[in-house]
Every structure is written in structure tokens, then in C-alpha cells.
């Protein structure tokens, strides 16, 4: 299977050629308006991505 950062790093399934929207990237329901939920979701995603960045990404890509 080909490497997909959306799938492999964020657990977001592929939707053809379209990139996910910002709600999907944050794991929020579409058109969420709760600023606290958006802020919290962004913090969770950033923490997750920083943990991935601290590992050896070549192992994830090749593996």
C-alpha cells in the first residue's frame, strides 16, 4: 500500500483526489462553530504530529 500522510499519520481515509477539509483534519464534525472544541482539537492534532515527527519517519514510510 502506498504511503498516505492523511491515512498513516491522522487516520483519515482517502477520498479520491480531494484533500480533506479543515474540519476533517481536526477530527471535528463539519461546520463546527465551538471555538473551544476547535482549539482543543488543534492541540490534540499538533501533539500527535509532533510525536510522529520525533520518530524515525523513514521506518513508517518504508515499513
PDB file of N, CA and C in Angstrom:
ATOM      1  N   UNK A   1       0.851  -1.181   0.000  1.00  0.00           N
ATOM      2  CA  UNK A   1       0.000   0.000   0.000  1.00  0.00           C
ATOM      3  C   UNK A   1       0.897   1.245   0.000  1.00  0.00           C
ATOM      4  N   UNK A   2       0.519   2.251  -0.782  1.00  0.00           N
ATOM      5  CA  UNK A   2       1.279   3.494  -0.865  1.00  0.00           C
ATOM      6  C   UNK A   2       1.157   4.296   0.423  1.00  0.00           C
ATOM      7  N   UNK A   3       2.185   5.089   0.665  1.00  0.00           N
ATOM      8  CA  UNK A   3       2.197   5.976   1.821  1.00  0.00           C
ATOM      9  C   UNK A   3       1.170   7.089   1.633  1.00  0.00           C
ATOM     10  N   UNK A   4       0.372   7.340   2.649  1.00  0.00           N
ATOM     11  CA  UNK A   4      -0.597   8.436   2.649  1.00  0.00           C
ATOM     12  C   UNK A   4      -0.507   9.134   4.002  1.00  0.00           C
ATOM     13  N   UNK A   5      -0.016  10.370   4.054  1.00  0.00           N
ATOM     14  CA  UNK A   5       0.098  11.042   5.353  1.00  0.00           C
ATOM     15  C   UNK A   5      -1.239  11.228   6.045  1.00  0.00           C
ATOM     16  N   UNK A   6      -2.294  11.482   5.270  1.00  0.00           N
ATOM     17  CA  UNK A   6      -3.607  11.641   5.895  1.00  0.00           C
ATOM     18  C   UNK A   6      -4.024  10.341   6.586  1.00  0.00           C
ATOM     19  N   UNK A   7      -3.868   9.231   5.890  1.00  0.00           N
ATOM     20  CA  UNK A   7      -4.252   7.936   6.435  1.00  0.00           C
ATOM     21  C   UNK A   7      -3.273   7.478   7.516  1.00  0.00           C
ATOM     22  N   UNK A   8      -1.982   7.517   7.197  1.00  0.00           N
ATOM     23  CA  UNK A   8      -0.974   6.938   8.087  1.00  0.00           C
ATOM     24  C   UNK A   8      -0.727   7.770   9.334  1.00  0.00           C
ATOM     25  N   UNK A   9      -0.777   9.064   9.224  1.00  0.00           N
ATOM     26  CA  UNK A   9      -0.478   9.911  10.381  1.00  0.00           C
ATOM     27  C   UNK A   9      -1.725  10.378  11.128  1.00  0.00           C
ATOM     28  N   UNK A  10      -2.820  10.588  10.399  1.00  0.00           N
ATOM     29  CA  UNK A  10      -4.008  11.159  11.029  1.00  0.00           C
ATOM     30  C   UNK A  10      -5.197  10.206  11.077  1.00  0.00           C
ATOM     31  N   UNK A  11      -5.087   9.051  10.424  1.00  0.00           N
ATOM     32  CA  UNK A  11      -6.191   8.100  10.428  1.00  0.00           C
ATOM     33  C   UNK A  11      -7.381   8.538   9.608  1.00  0.00           C
ATOM     34  N   UNK A  12      -7.133   9.400   8.604  1.00  0.00           N
ATOM     35  CA  UNK A  12      -8.209   9.910   7.751  1.00  0.00           C
ATOM     36  C   UNK A  12      -8.204   9.090   6.458  1.00  0.00           C
ATOM     37  N   UNK A  13      -9.302   8.414   6.153  1.00  0.00           N
ATOM     38  CA  UNK A  13      -9.347   7.612   4.929  1.00  0.00           C
ATOM     39  C   UNK A  13      -9.295   8.483   3.674  1.00  0.00           C
ATOM     40  N   UNK A  14      -8.776   7.892   2.610  1.00  0.00           N
ATOM     41  CA  UNK A  14      -8.663   8.605   1.336  1.00  0.00           C
ATOM     42  C   UNK A  14     -10.046   8.882   0.764  1.00  0.00           C
ATOM     43  N   UNK A  15     -10.174  10.050   0.138  1.00  0.00           N
ATOM     44  CA  UNK A  15     -11.419  10.438  -0.544  1.00  0.00           C
ATOM     45  C   UNK A  15     -11.114  10.753  -2.001  1.00  0.00           C
ATOM     46  N   UNK A  16     -10.451   9.858  -2.659  1.00  0.00           N
ATOM     47  CA  UNK A  16     -10.075  10.094  -4.055  1.00  0.00           C
ATOM     48  C   UNK A  16      -8.942  11.106  -4.125  1.00  0.00           C
ATOM     49  N   UNK A  17      -9.060  12.028  -5.036  1.00  0.00           N
ATOM     50  CA  UNK A  17      -8.019  13.039  -5.251  1.00  0.00           C
ATOM     51  C   UNK A  17      -8.158  14.243  -4.329  1.00  0.00           C
ATOM     52  N   UNK A  18      -9.293  14.380  -3.666  1.00  0.00           N
ATOM     53  CA  UNK A  18      -9.545  15.559  -2.844  1.00  0.00           C
ATOM     54  C   UNK A  18      -8.824  15.491  -1.505  1.00  0.00           C
ATOM     55  N   UNK A  19      -8.221  16.585  -1.130  1.00  0.00           N
ATOM     56  CA  UNK A  19      -7.613  16.680   0.198  1.00  0.00           C
ATOM     57  C   UNK A  19      -8.734  16.913   1.217  1.00  0.00           C
ATOM     58  N   UNK A  20      -8.554  16.431   2.444  1.00  0.00           N
ATOM     59  CA  UNK A  20      -9.589  16.644   3.455  1.00  0.00           C
ATOM     60  C   UNK A  20      -9.713  18.125   3.815  1.00  0.00           C
ATOM     61  N   UNK A  21     -10.928  18.527   4.212  1.00  0.00           N
ATOM     62  CA  UNK A  21     -11.116  19.909   4.636  1.00  0.00           C
ATOM     63  C   UNK A  21     -10.595  20.094   6.060  1.00  0.00           C
ATOM     64  N   UNK A  22     -10.601  21.311   6.536  1.00  0.00           N
ATOM     65  CA  UNK A  22     -10.017  21.609   7.844  1.00  0.00           C
ATOM     66  C   UNK A  22     -10.788  20.961   8.987  1.00  0.00           C
ATOM     67  N   UNK A  23     -12.068  20.758   8.815  1.00  0.00           N
ATOM     68  CA  UNK A  23     -12.834  20.065   9.862  1.00  0.00           C
ATOM     69  C   UNK A  23     -12.353  18.617   9.988  1.00  0.00           C
ATOM     70  N   UNK A  24     -12.205  17.956   8.861  1.00  0.00           N
ATOM     71  CA  UNK A  24     -11.740  16.571   8.855  1.00  0.00           C
ATOM     72  C   UNK A  24     -10.329  16.474   9.421  1.00  0.00           C
ATOM     73  N   UNK A  25      -9.469  17.398   9.043  1.00  0.00           N
ATOM     74  CA  UNK A  25      -8.099  17.379   9.559  1.00  0.00           C
ATOM     75  C   UNK A  25      -8.061  17.481  11.080  1.00  0.00           C
ATOM     76  N   UNK A  26      -9.006  18.201  11.647  1.00  0.00           N
ATOM     77  CA  UNK A  26      -9.064  18.349  13.097  1.00  0.00           C
ATOM     78  C   UNK A  26      -9.916  17.281  13.775  1.00  0.00           C
ATOM     79  N   UNK A  27     -10.572  16.433  12.983  1.00  0.00           N
ATOM     80  CA  UNK A  27     -11.414  15.399  13.551  1.00  0.00           C
ATOM     81  C   UNK A  27     -12.716  15.927  14.116  1.00  0.00           C
ATOM     82  N   UNK A  28     -13.205  17.016  13.538  1.00  0.00           N
ATOM     83  CA  UNK A  28     -14.433  17.657  14.011  1.00  0.00           C
ATOM     84  C   UNK A  28     -15.579  17.438  13.030  1.00  0.00           C
ATOM     85  N   UNK A  29     -16.818  17.508  13.530  1.00  0.00           N
ATOM     86  CA  UNK A  29     -17.955  17.475  12.600  1.00  0.00           C
ATOM     87  C   UNK A  29     -17.901  18.708  11.691  1.00  0.00           C
ATOM     88  N   UNK A  30     -18.364  18.536  10.480  1.00  0.00           N
ATOM     89  CA  UNK A  30     -18.351  19.631   9.521  1.00  0.00           C
ATOM     90  C   UNK A  30     -19.157  20.823  10.049  1.00  0.00           C
ATOM     91  N   UNK A  31     -18.630  21.996   9.859  1.00  0.00           N
ATOM     92  CA  UNK A  31     -19.222  23.280  10.247  1.00  0.00           C
ATOM     93  C   UNK A  31     -19.300  23.488  11.755  1.00  0.00           C
ATOM     94  N   UNK A  32     -18.388  22.854  12.493  1.00  0.00           N
ATOM     95  CA  UNK A  32     -18.323  23.085  13.943  1.00  0.00           C
ATOM     96  C   UNK A  32     -18.061  24.563  14.195  1.00  0.00           C
ATOM     97  N   UNK A  33     -18.745  25.107  15.176  1.00  0.00           N
ATOM     98  CA  UNK A  33     -18.576  26.527  15.488  1.00  0.00           C
ATOM     99  C   UNK A  33     -18.068  26.753  16.902  1.00  0.00           C
ATOM    100  N   UNK A  34     -17.890  25.711  17.668  1.00  0.00           N
ATOM    101  CA  UNK A  34     -17.428  25.829  19.049  1.00  0.00           C
ATOM    102  C   UNK A  34     -15.926  26.109  19.057  1.00  0.00           C
ATOM    103  N   UNK A  35     -15.554  27.331  19.352  1.00  0.00           N
ATOM    104  CA  UNK A  35     -14.145  27.735  19.329  1.00  0.00           C
ATOM    105  C   UNK A  35     -13.302  26.903  20.288  1.00  0.00           C
ATOM    106  N   UNK A  36     -13.846  26.550  21.430  1.00  0.00           N
ATOM    107  CA  UNK A  36     -13.097  25.730  22.386  1.00  0.00           C
ATOM    108  C   UNK A  36     -12.827  24.341  21.827  1.00  0.00           C
ATOM    109  N   UNK A  37     -13.790  23.774  21.126  1.00  0.00           N
ATOM    110  CA  UNK A  37     -13.604  22.454  20.519  1.00  0.00           C
ATOM    111  C   UNK A  37     -12.548  22.511  19.416  1.00  0.00           C
ATOM    112  N   UNK A  38     -12.574  23.573  18.623  1.00  0.00           N
ATOM    113  CA  UNK A  38     -11.586  23.741  17.559  1.00  0.00           C
ATOM    114  C   UNK A  38     -10.188  23.882  18.170  1.00  0.00           C
ATOM    115  N   UNK A  39     -10.062  24.701  19.175  1.00  0.00           N
ATOM    116  CA  UNK A  39      -8.775  24.911  19.841  1.00  0.00           C
ATOM    117  C   UNK A  39      -8.259  23.605  20.442  1.00  0.00           C
ATOM    118  N   UNK A  40      -9.130  22.865  21.114  1.00  0.00           N
ATOM    119  CA  UNK A  40      -8.731  21.594  21.724  1.00  0.00           C
ATOM    120  C   UNK A  40      -8.333  20.573  20.660  1.00  0.00           C
ATOM    121  N   UNK A  41      -9.107  20.488  19.583  1.00  0.00           N
ATOM    122  CA  UNK A  41      -8.802  19.536  18.510  1.00  0.00           C
ATOM    123  C   UNK A  41      -7.469  19.868  17.851  1.00  0.00           C
ATOM    124  N   UNK A  42      -7.201  21.151  17.659  1.00  0.00           N
ATOM    125  CA  UNK A  42      -5.919  21.556  17.064  1.00  0.00           C
ATOM    126  C   UNK A  42      -4.762  21.160  17.972  1.00  0.00           C
ATOM    127  N   UNK A  43      -4.930  21.347  19.266  1.00  0.00           N
ATOM    128  CA  UNK A  43      -3.883  20.954  20.217  1.00  0.00           C
ATOM    129  C   UNK A  43      -3.631  19.457  20.198  1.00  0.00           C
ATOM    130  N   UNK A  44      -4.693  18.682  20.108  1.00  0.00           N
ATOM    131  CA  UNK A  44      -4.552  17.219  20.058  1.00  0.00           C
ATOM    132  C   UNK A  44      -3.820  16.797  18.793  1.00  0.00           C
ATOM    133  N   UNK A  45      -4.214  17.355  17.653  1.00  0.00           N
ATOM    134  CA  UNK A  45      -3.546  17.007  16.383  1.00  0.00           C
ATOM    135  C   UNK A  45      -2.079  17.426  16.403  1.00  0.00           C
ATOM    136  N   UNK A  46      -1.780  18.621  16.899  1.00  0.00           N
ATOM    137  CA  UNK A  46      -0.390  19.076  16.944  1.00  0.00           C
ATOM    138  C   UNK A  46       0.461  18.186  17.841  1.00  0.00           C
ATOM    139  N   UNK A  47      -0.077  17.803  18.979  1.00  0.00           N
ATOM    140  CA  UNK A  47       0.650  16.906  19.872  1.00  0.00           C
ATOM    141  C   UNK A  47       0.928  15.577  19.176  1.00  0.00           C
ATOM    142  N   UNK A  48      -0.060  15.053  18.495  1.00  0.00           N
ATOM    143  CA  UNK A  48       0.087  13.790  17.770  1.00  0.00           C
ATOM    144  C   UNK A  48       1.141  13.912  16.669  1.00  0.00           C
ATOM    145  N   UNK A  49       1.077  14.983  15.889  1.00  0.00           N
ATOM    146  CA  UNK A  49       2.035  15.166  14.799  1.00  0.00           C
ATOM    147  C   UNK A  49       3.452  15.413  15.307  1.00  0.00           C
ATOM    148  N   UNK A  50       3.584  16.107  16.416  1.00  0.00           N
ATOM    149  CA  UNK A  50       4.918  16.315  16.997  1.00  0.00           C
ATOM    150  C   UNK A  50       5.517  14.998  17.473  1.00  0.00           C
ATOM    151  N   UNK A  51       4.692  14.117  17.998  1.00  0.00           N
ATOM    152  CA  UNK A  51       5.176  12.798  18.421  1.00  0.00           C
ATOM    153  C   UNK A  51       5.660  11.994  17.216  1.00  0.00           C
ATOM    154  N   UNK A  52       4.931  12.090  16.116  1.00  0.00           N
ATOM    155  CA  UNK A  52       5.355  11.400  14.897  1.00  0.00           C
ATOM    156  C   UNK A  52       6.659  11.997  14.379  1.00  0.00           C
ATOM    157  N   UNK A  53       6.760  13.319  14.401  1.00  0.00           N
ATOM    158  CA  UNK A  53       7.968  13.988  13.909  1.00  0.00           C
ATOM    159  C   UNK A  53       9.193  13.608  14.733  1.00  0.00           C
ATOM    160  N   UNK A  54       8.987  13.254  15.988  1.00  0.00           N
ATOM    161  CA  UNK A  54      10.100  12.887  16.855  1.00  0.00           C
ATOM    162  C   UNK A  54      10.583  11.463  16.599  1.00  0.00           C
ATOM    163  N   UNK A  55       9.851  10.680  15.815  1.00  0.00           N
ATOM    164  CA  UNK A  55      10.247   9.304  15.494  1.00  0.00           C
ATOM    165  C   UNK A  55      10.937   9.274  14.149  1.00  0.00           C
ATOM    166  N   UNK A  56      11.419   8.128  13.803  1.00  0.00           N
ATOM    167  CA  UNK A  56      12.071   7.952  12.514  1.00  0.00           C
ATOM    168  C   UNK A  56      11.010   7.714  11.446  1.00  0.00           C
ATOM    169  N   UNK A  57      10.707   8.751  10.673  1.00  0.00           N
ATOM    170  CA  UNK A  57       9.643   8.657   9.678  1.00  0.00           C
ATOM    171  C   UNK A  57       9.998   7.733   8.524  1.00  0.00           C
ATOM    172  N   UNK A  58      11.279   7.513   8.285  1.00  0.00           N
ATOM    173  CA  UNK A  58      11.640   6.623   7.186  1.00  0.00           C
ATOM    174  C   UNK A  58      11.183   5.200   7.491  1.00  0.00           C
ATOM    175  N   UNK A  59      11.162   4.800   8.739  1.00  0.00           N
ATOM    176  CA  UNK A  59      10.678   3.470   9.086  1.00  0.00           C
ATOM    177  C   UNK A  59       9.194   3.374   8.779  1.00  0.00           C
ATOM    178  N   UNK A  60       8.425   4.419   9.088  1.00  0.00           N
ATOM    179  CA  UNK A  60       6.990   4.414   8.801  1.00  0.00           C
ATOM    180  C   UNK A  60       6.738   4.405   7.298  1.00  0.00           C
ATOM    181  N   UNK A  61       7.558   5.153   6.557  1.00  0.00           N
ATOM    182  CA  UNK A  61       7.349   5.268   5.119  1.00  0.00           C
ATOM    183  C   UNK A  61       7.719   3.975   4.411  1.00  0.00           C
ATOM    184  N   UNK A  62       8.830   3.390   4.773  1.00  0.00           N
ATOM    185  CA  UNK A  62       9.311   2.176   4.100  1.00  0.00           C
ATOM    186  C   UNK A  62       8.549   0.955   4.580  1.00  0.00           C
ATOM    187  N   UNK A  63       8.239   0.926   5.901  1.00  0.00           N
ATOM    188  CA  UNK A  63       7.626  -0.236   6.530  1.00  0.00           C
ATOM    189  C   UNK A  63       6.323  -0.566   5.997  1.00  0.00           C
TER     190      UNK A  63
END
